[in-house]
């Protein structure tokens, strides 16, 4: 008879070791709770035309592509460190926080 080959064992980091406990058990009540928030893997992106449309939908009907260009130049919107957008295959896409920023700034201007 052939001998059984030994089973190879490998190291599993502690961060991968989890124990699931029934939330109604006494053990679960005594353990400190840890909550996780699941974030989207990738933020939705908008091209400049979509940004203009979204700002117009927010109530600024006269906002156009020229004004959008003036906005990103004035506020250095294409600086990736500011987190307003990203360059994808030589084309700039804007994140939703850029649209929110424009609407907020336009509201400040209309209040004055």
Protein backbone atom coordinates (compact mmCIF):
# COMPACT_ATOMS: atom_id res chain seq x y z
CA UNK A 1 0.00 0.00 0.00
CA UNK A 2 1.09 3.50 -0.77
CA UNK A 3 1.64 5.84 2.08
CA UNK A 4 -0.50 8.97 2.25
CA UNK A 5 1.39 12.09 1.31
CA UNK A 6 1.74 14.62 4.09
CA UNK A 7 -0.60 17.58 3.85
CA UNK A 8 1.13 20.85 3.09
CA UNK A 9 0.30 23.53 5.62
CA UNK A 10 0.70 27.22 5.15
CA UNK A 11 0.63 30.28 7.34
CA UNK A 12 -2.65 32.23 7.50
CA UNK A 13 -2.30 35.83 8.68
CA UNK A 14 -4.38 36.76 11.74
CA UNK A 15 -6.30 39.37 9.74
CA UNK A 16 -7.92 36.51 7.77
CA UNK A 17 -9.01 34.58 10.83
CA UNK A 18 -12.58 35.43 11.75
CA UNK A 19 -15.08 33.69 13.93
CA UNK A 20 -18.75 34.25 13.36
CA UNK A 21 -20.90 34.25 16.44
CA UNK A 22 -24.67 34.16 16.81
CA UNK A 23 -25.63 37.80 17.60
CA UNK A 24 -28.12 36.59 20.22
CA UNK A 25 -25.55 34.59 22.20
CA UNK A 26 -24.02 35.79 25.46
CA UNK A 27 -20.59 35.82 23.83
CA UNK A 28 -21.77 38.26 21.16
CA UNK A 29 -23.16 40.62 23.80
CA UNK A 30 -19.83 40.74 25.61
CA UNK A 31 -17.69 41.34 22.50
CA UNK A 32 -16.92 44.88 21.33
CA UNK A 33 -18.85 45.49 18.15
CA UNK A 34 -17.12 46.52 14.96
CA UNK A 35 -19.06 48.11 12.12
CA UNK A 36 -18.02 48.25 8.48
CA UNK A 37 -19.31 50.50 5.74
CA UNK A 38 -19.22 49.08 2.25
CA UNK A 39 -18.14 51.70 -0.24
CA UNK A 40 -18.55 51.57 -3.98
CA UNK A 41 -15.48 50.30 -5.73
CA UNK A 42 -15.41 53.16 -8.18
CA UNK A 43 -17.08 56.55 -8.07
CA UNK A 44 -19.52 57.41 -10.85
CA UNK A 45 -17.91 59.64 -13.48
CA UNK A 46 -19.46 62.36 -15.63
CA UNK A 47 -18.17 64.00 -18.78
CA UNK A 48 -18.39 67.80 -19.08
CA UNK A 49 -21.70 67.68 -20.96
CA UNK A 50 -23.29 65.66 -18.17
CA UNK A 51 -21.91 68.07 -15.57
CA UNK A 52 -23.54 71.00 -17.37
CA UNK A 53 -26.85 69.09 -17.57
CA UNK A 54 -26.76 68.19 -13.86
CA UNK A 55 -26.04 71.80 -12.84
CA UNK A 56 -28.89 72.98 -15.06
CA UNK A 57 -31.19 70.40 -13.43
CA UNK A 58 -30.17 71.85 -10.06
CA UNK A 59 -31.82 75.12 -11.08
CA UNK A 60 -29.12 77.03 -12.93
CA UNK A 61 -30.64 76.97 -16.42
CA UNK A 62 -28.16 79.47 -17.88
CA UNK A 63 -25.10 77.41 -16.90
CA UNK A 64 -23.31 76.33 -20.08
CA UNK A 65 -20.06 74.73 -21.24
CA UNK A 66 -18.23 78.07 -21.30
CA UNK A 67 -19.09 78.70 -17.65
CA UNK A 68 -18.04 75.17 -16.75
CA UNK A 69 -14.67 75.75 -18.41
CA UNK A 70 -14.28 79.01 -16.50
CA UNK A 71 -15.12 77.20 -13.24
CA UNK A 72 -12.54 74.45 -13.57
CA UNK A 73 -9.88 76.95 -14.61
CA UNK A 74 -10.66 79.31 -11.73
CA UNK A 75 -10.78 76.58 -9.07
CA UNK A 76 -8.06 74.35 -10.58
CA UNK A 77 -10.66 71.60 -10.95
CA UNK A 78 -8.46 69.34 -13.05
CA UNK A 79 -5.84 69.13 -10.32
CA UNK A 80 -6.12 65.45 -9.37
CA UNK A 81 -5.00 66.26 -5.80
CA UNK A 82 -8.31 68.09 -5.26
CA UNK A 83 -10.28 64.94 -6.05
CA UNK A 84 -12.83 66.52 -8.39
CA UNK A 85 -12.17 64.11 -11.25
CA UNK A 86 -9.78 61.83 -13.04
CA UNK A 87 -8.13 61.36 -16.38
CA UNK A 88 -9.27 58.20 -18.20
CA UNK A 89 -7.69 57.37 -21.56
CA UNK A 90 -6.77 61.02 -22.25
CA UNK A 91 -10.26 62.28 -21.38
CA UNK A 92 -11.20 64.04 -18.16
CA UNK A 93 -14.17 62.76 -16.16
CA UNK A 94 -15.70 64.58 -13.23
CA UNK A 95 -16.92 63.11 -9.96
CA UNK A 96 -20.22 64.03 -8.34
CA UNK A 97 -18.47 66.17 -5.72
CA UNK A 98 -17.46 68.53 -8.58
CA UNK A 99 -21.11 69.02 -9.51
CA UNK A 100 -21.97 69.61 -5.84
CA UNK A 101 -19.11 72.11 -5.58
CA UNK A 102 -20.33 74.06 -8.63
CA UNK A 103 -23.90 74.18 -7.33
CA UNK A 104 -22.70 75.35 -3.90
CA UNK A 105 -20.56 78.11 -5.44
CA UNK A 106 -23.37 79.24 -7.75
CA UNK A 107 -25.74 79.42 -4.76
CA UNK A 108 -23.23 81.65 -2.96
CA UNK A 109 -23.11 83.95 -5.99
CA UNK A 110 -26.91 84.22 -6.28
CA UNK A 111 -27.33 85.01 -2.57
CA UNK A 112 -25.05 88.05 -2.80
